[in-house]
N, C-alpha and C. Protein backbone atom coordinates (compact mmCIF):
# COMPACT_ATOMS: atom_id res chain seq x y z
N MET A 1 -23.94 -21.25 -34.02
CA MET A 1 -23.85 -21.04 -35.45
C MET A 1 -23.32 -19.64 -35.76
N ALA A 2 -23.68 -18.66 -34.98
CA ALA A 2 -23.23 -17.29 -35.22
C ALA A 2 -21.71 -17.19 -35.09
N LYS A 3 -21.10 -18.02 -34.27
CA LYS A 3 -19.64 -17.99 -34.11
C LYS A 3 -18.93 -18.47 -35.37
N ASP A 4 -19.58 -19.32 -36.15
CA ASP A 4 -18.98 -19.87 -37.35
C ASP A 4 -19.00 -18.90 -38.53
N VAL A 5 -19.81 -17.88 -38.45
CA VAL A 5 -19.94 -16.92 -39.54
C VAL A 5 -18.85 -15.85 -39.39
N PRO A 6 -17.90 -15.78 -40.34
CA PRO A 6 -16.84 -14.78 -40.23
C PRO A 6 -17.38 -13.37 -40.47
N LEU A 7 -16.79 -12.43 -39.80
CA LEU A 7 -17.19 -11.05 -39.99
C LEU A 7 -16.75 -10.57 -41.37
N ILE A 8 -17.48 -9.62 -41.91
CA ILE A 8 -17.15 -9.07 -43.22
C ILE A 8 -15.73 -8.50 -43.22
N LYS A 9 -15.36 -7.83 -42.12
CA LYS A 9 -14.02 -7.25 -42.01
C LYS A 9 -12.96 -8.33 -42.16
N GLU A 10 -13.16 -9.46 -41.48
CA GLU A 10 -12.20 -10.56 -41.55
C GLU A 10 -12.11 -11.12 -42.97
N LEU A 11 -13.25 -11.23 -43.62
CA LEU A 11 -13.26 -11.74 -45.00
C LEU A 11 -12.53 -10.79 -45.94
N LEU A 12 -12.77 -9.50 -45.79
CA LEU A 12 -12.09 -8.51 -46.63
C LEU A 12 -10.58 -8.52 -46.40
N LEU A 13 -10.18 -8.57 -45.13
CA LEU A 13 -8.74 -8.61 -44.82
C LEU A 13 -8.09 -9.87 -45.39
N ARG A 14 -8.77 -10.98 -45.28
CA ARG A 14 -8.23 -12.24 -45.82
C ARG A 14 -8.11 -12.15 -47.35
N TYR A 15 -9.13 -11.58 -47.99
CA TYR A 15 -9.10 -11.41 -49.45
C TYR A 15 -7.94 -10.51 -49.87
N LEU A 16 -7.78 -9.37 -49.19
CA LEU A 16 -6.70 -8.45 -49.52
C LEU A 16 -5.34 -9.12 -49.36
N ARG A 17 -5.18 -9.87 -48.28
CA ARG A 17 -3.93 -10.58 -48.03
C ARG A 17 -3.68 -11.63 -49.12
N ASP A 18 -4.70 -12.41 -49.43
CA ASP A 18 -4.56 -13.47 -50.43
C ASP A 18 -4.23 -12.92 -51.82
N GLU A 19 -4.77 -11.76 -52.13
CA GLU A 19 -4.56 -11.16 -53.45
C GLU A 19 -3.32 -10.26 -53.51
N GLY A 20 -2.61 -10.13 -52.39
CA GLY A 20 -1.41 -9.30 -52.35
C GLY A 20 -1.71 -7.81 -52.36
N LEU A 21 -2.89 -7.43 -51.90
CA LEU A 21 -3.30 -6.03 -51.92
C LEU A 21 -3.20 -5.35 -50.57
N GLU A 22 -2.95 -6.10 -49.52
CA GLU A 22 -2.91 -5.52 -48.18
C GLU A 22 -1.76 -4.51 -48.03
N THR A 23 -0.58 -4.87 -48.49
CA THR A 23 0.58 -3.97 -48.36
C THR A 23 0.39 -2.68 -49.16
N PRO A 24 0.03 -2.74 -50.45
CA PRO A 24 -0.18 -1.48 -51.18
C PRO A 24 -1.28 -0.61 -50.56
N LEU A 25 -2.32 -1.23 -50.05
CA LEU A 25 -3.39 -0.47 -49.41
C LEU A 25 -2.88 0.22 -48.16
N ASN A 26 -2.13 -0.49 -47.33
CA ASN A 26 -1.56 0.11 -46.12
C ASN A 26 -0.56 1.21 -46.44
N GLU A 27 0.22 1.03 -47.51
CA GLU A 27 1.16 2.08 -47.91
C GLU A 27 0.41 3.35 -48.32
N HIS A 28 -0.65 3.19 -49.07
CA HIS A 28 -1.48 4.33 -49.48
C HIS A 28 -2.10 5.01 -48.26
N ARG A 29 -2.59 4.23 -47.34
CA ARG A 29 -3.19 4.78 -46.12
C ARG A 29 -2.14 5.53 -45.30
N LEU A 30 -0.93 4.98 -45.19
CA LEU A 30 0.13 5.63 -44.42
C LEU A 30 0.49 6.99 -45.00
N ILE A 31 0.65 7.06 -46.31
CA ILE A 31 0.96 8.35 -46.94
C ILE A 31 -0.18 9.33 -46.71
N GLY A 32 -1.40 8.86 -46.73
CA GLY A 32 -2.55 9.72 -46.46
C GLY A 32 -2.60 10.24 -45.03
N LYS A 33 -1.97 9.52 -44.11
CA LYS A 33 -1.95 9.93 -42.70
C LYS A 33 -0.84 10.94 -42.39
N TRP A 34 0.05 11.19 -43.33
CA TRP A 34 1.17 12.10 -43.11
C TRP A 34 0.73 13.45 -42.55
N PRO A 35 -0.23 14.17 -43.16
CA PRO A 35 -0.63 15.47 -42.60
C PRO A 35 -1.18 15.38 -41.18
N GLU A 36 -1.90 14.32 -40.90
CA GLU A 36 -2.46 14.12 -39.56
C GLU A 36 -1.35 13.91 -38.52
N VAL A 37 -0.31 13.19 -38.89
CA VAL A 37 0.77 12.86 -37.96
C VAL A 37 1.74 14.04 -37.77
N VAL A 38 2.09 14.71 -38.86
CA VAL A 38 3.10 15.78 -38.75
C VAL A 38 2.49 17.17 -38.62
N GLY A 39 1.23 17.31 -38.93
CA GLY A 39 0.58 18.62 -38.87
C GLY A 39 0.59 19.31 -40.23
N ASN A 40 -0.31 20.26 -40.40
CA ASN A 40 -0.48 20.93 -41.69
C ASN A 40 0.72 21.77 -42.11
N VAL A 41 1.38 22.41 -41.15
CA VAL A 41 2.52 23.27 -41.50
C VAL A 41 3.62 22.46 -42.16
N ILE A 42 3.97 21.34 -41.57
CA ILE A 42 5.01 20.47 -42.15
C ILE A 42 4.50 19.82 -43.44
N ALA A 43 3.26 19.39 -43.44
CA ALA A 43 2.69 18.74 -44.62
C ALA A 43 2.71 19.68 -45.83
N GLN A 44 2.52 20.96 -45.60
CA GLN A 44 2.55 21.93 -46.71
C GLN A 44 3.96 22.12 -47.26
N ARG A 45 4.96 21.77 -46.50
CA ARG A 45 6.35 21.89 -46.94
C ARG A 45 6.92 20.54 -47.39
N THR A 46 6.01 19.62 -47.65
CA THR A 46 6.38 18.28 -48.09
C THR A 46 6.06 18.14 -49.57
N GLY A 47 7.02 17.58 -50.30
CA GLY A 47 6.81 17.31 -51.72
C GLY A 47 6.39 15.87 -51.93
N ARG A 48 7.02 15.24 -52.88
CA ARG A 48 6.69 13.87 -53.28
C ARG A 48 7.01 12.88 -52.16
N MET A 49 6.14 11.88 -52.05
CA MET A 49 6.34 10.80 -51.07
C MET A 49 6.14 9.47 -51.77
N GLU A 50 6.98 8.50 -51.41
CA GLU A 50 6.82 7.15 -51.94
C GLU A 50 7.40 6.15 -50.95
N ILE A 51 6.92 4.92 -51.04
CA ILE A 51 7.41 3.85 -50.18
C ILE A 51 8.02 2.78 -51.07
N ALA A 52 9.24 2.37 -50.72
CA ALA A 52 9.92 1.28 -51.42
C ALA A 52 10.70 0.48 -50.40
N ASN A 53 10.52 -0.82 -50.42
CA ASN A 53 11.24 -1.72 -49.51
C ASN A 53 11.09 -1.31 -48.05
N ARG A 54 9.88 -0.97 -47.67
CA ARG A 54 9.51 -0.62 -46.29
C ARG A 54 10.19 0.67 -45.80
N VAL A 55 10.64 1.51 -46.75
CA VAL A 55 11.23 2.81 -46.42
C VAL A 55 10.37 3.89 -47.06
N LEU A 56 9.99 4.88 -46.25
CA LEU A 56 9.23 6.02 -46.74
C LEU A 56 10.22 7.10 -47.17
N TYR A 57 10.16 7.49 -48.43
CA TYR A 57 10.99 8.56 -48.97
C TYR A 57 10.13 9.81 -49.07
N VAL A 58 10.60 10.89 -48.43
CA VAL A 58 9.83 12.12 -48.35
C VAL A 58 10.68 13.28 -48.84
N GLN A 59 10.16 14.02 -49.80
CA GLN A 59 10.83 15.23 -50.27
C GLN A 59 10.41 16.37 -49.35
N ILE A 60 11.39 17.01 -48.73
CA ILE A 60 11.13 18.15 -47.84
C ILE A 60 11.67 19.40 -48.53
N LEU A 61 10.84 20.43 -48.59
CA LEU A 61 11.17 21.63 -49.35
C LEU A 61 12.01 22.64 -48.58
N SER A 62 12.39 22.33 -47.35
CA SER A 62 13.18 23.23 -46.52
C SER A 62 14.32 22.45 -45.87
N ALA A 63 15.54 22.93 -46.04
CA ALA A 63 16.71 22.24 -45.47
C ALA A 63 16.67 22.21 -43.95
N SER A 64 16.26 23.30 -43.33
CA SER A 64 16.21 23.33 -41.86
C SER A 64 15.13 22.38 -41.33
N LEU A 65 14.01 22.31 -42.02
CA LEU A 65 12.95 21.37 -41.62
C LEU A 65 13.42 19.93 -41.81
N ARG A 66 14.15 19.68 -42.89
CA ARG A 66 14.68 18.33 -43.15
C ARG A 66 15.58 17.89 -42.00
N ASN A 67 16.45 18.78 -41.53
CA ASN A 67 17.33 18.46 -40.39
C ASN A 67 16.52 18.15 -39.14
N SER A 68 15.53 18.96 -38.87
CA SER A 68 14.70 18.76 -37.69
C SER A 68 13.97 17.42 -37.74
N LEU A 69 13.44 17.09 -38.90
CA LEU A 69 12.71 15.82 -39.05
C LEU A 69 13.64 14.62 -38.94
N MET A 70 14.88 14.76 -39.38
CA MET A 70 15.84 13.66 -39.28
C MET A 70 16.01 13.20 -37.83
N TYR A 71 16.03 14.15 -36.91
CA TYR A 71 16.21 13.82 -35.50
C TYR A 71 14.98 13.12 -34.92
N ASN A 72 13.84 13.29 -35.55
CA ASN A 72 12.60 12.72 -35.02
C ASN A 72 12.06 11.57 -35.87
N ARG A 73 12.86 11.03 -36.76
CA ARG A 73 12.31 10.05 -37.70
C ARG A 73 11.86 8.75 -37.03
N ARG A 74 12.53 8.31 -35.97
CA ARG A 74 12.10 7.08 -35.27
C ARG A 74 10.69 7.27 -34.70
N VAL A 75 10.45 8.42 -34.10
CA VAL A 75 9.13 8.72 -33.54
C VAL A 75 8.09 8.79 -34.66
N LEU A 76 8.46 9.39 -35.78
CA LEU A 76 7.54 9.48 -36.91
C LEU A 76 7.19 8.11 -37.47
N VAL A 77 8.18 7.22 -37.54
CA VAL A 77 7.92 5.85 -38.02
C VAL A 77 6.88 5.19 -37.12
N GLU A 78 7.07 5.30 -35.81
CA GLU A 78 6.14 4.69 -34.86
C GLU A 78 4.74 5.29 -34.98
N ARG A 79 4.66 6.61 -35.09
CA ARG A 79 3.36 7.28 -35.17
C ARG A 79 2.64 6.96 -36.48
N LEU A 80 3.37 6.93 -37.58
CA LEU A 80 2.74 6.62 -38.86
C LEU A 80 2.24 5.18 -38.89
N ASN A 81 3.07 4.25 -38.44
CA ASN A 81 2.62 2.85 -38.37
C ASN A 81 1.43 2.71 -37.44
N GLY A 82 1.46 3.42 -36.31
CA GLY A 82 0.35 3.37 -35.37
C GLY A 82 -0.93 3.93 -35.96
N ALA A 83 -0.82 4.98 -36.77
CA ALA A 83 -2.00 5.59 -37.38
C ALA A 83 -2.67 4.63 -38.36
N VAL A 84 -1.87 3.76 -38.98
CA VAL A 84 -2.41 2.79 -39.93
C VAL A 84 -2.84 1.51 -39.22
N GLY A 85 -2.21 1.23 -38.09
CA GLY A 85 -2.53 0.01 -37.36
C GLY A 85 -1.77 -1.20 -37.87
N ALA A 86 -0.65 -0.96 -38.54
CA ALA A 86 0.18 -2.05 -39.07
C ALA A 86 1.61 -1.53 -39.23
N THR A 87 2.57 -2.45 -39.22
CA THR A 87 3.95 -2.06 -39.46
C THR A 87 4.17 -2.02 -40.96
N VAL A 88 4.11 -0.82 -41.51
CA VAL A 88 4.21 -0.62 -42.95
C VAL A 88 5.62 -0.20 -43.35
N ILE A 89 6.24 0.66 -42.52
CA ILE A 89 7.59 1.15 -42.81
C ILE A 89 8.52 0.88 -41.64
N ASP A 90 9.81 0.76 -41.96
CA ASP A 90 10.84 0.58 -40.94
C ASP A 90 11.71 1.82 -40.79
N ASP A 91 11.68 2.70 -41.80
CA ASP A 91 12.55 3.87 -41.76
C ASP A 91 11.96 4.96 -42.66
N ILE A 92 12.48 6.18 -42.49
CA ILE A 92 12.12 7.31 -43.33
C ILE A 92 13.40 7.96 -43.83
N VAL A 93 13.43 8.28 -45.10
CA VAL A 93 14.55 9.02 -45.70
C VAL A 93 14.00 10.35 -46.18
N PHE A 94 14.59 11.43 -45.70
CA PHE A 94 14.18 12.77 -46.11
C PHE A 94 15.13 13.26 -47.19
N ARG A 95 14.57 13.77 -48.27
CA ARG A 95 15.38 14.25 -49.41
C ARG A 95 15.19 15.72 -49.59
């Protein structure tokens, strides 16, 4: 009988999926993980962030930092998705 009882986590995930809330929640979580993934120094030089069509748009306040991040964006995509535990973004655009 215990096997038939779904875990609360499973019920919540199913509810979020059914209500179309899973993606917005994961997007919010991914943006919140930015400082953890890139570090505080880079996070402090980051402006506005938004996700649209599975692309993370990040405003970078330094041109040299923007260039450096461009070369590492594939790694950042993997690390950010990994931090959330889901494939939320496919690419990053630095502005």
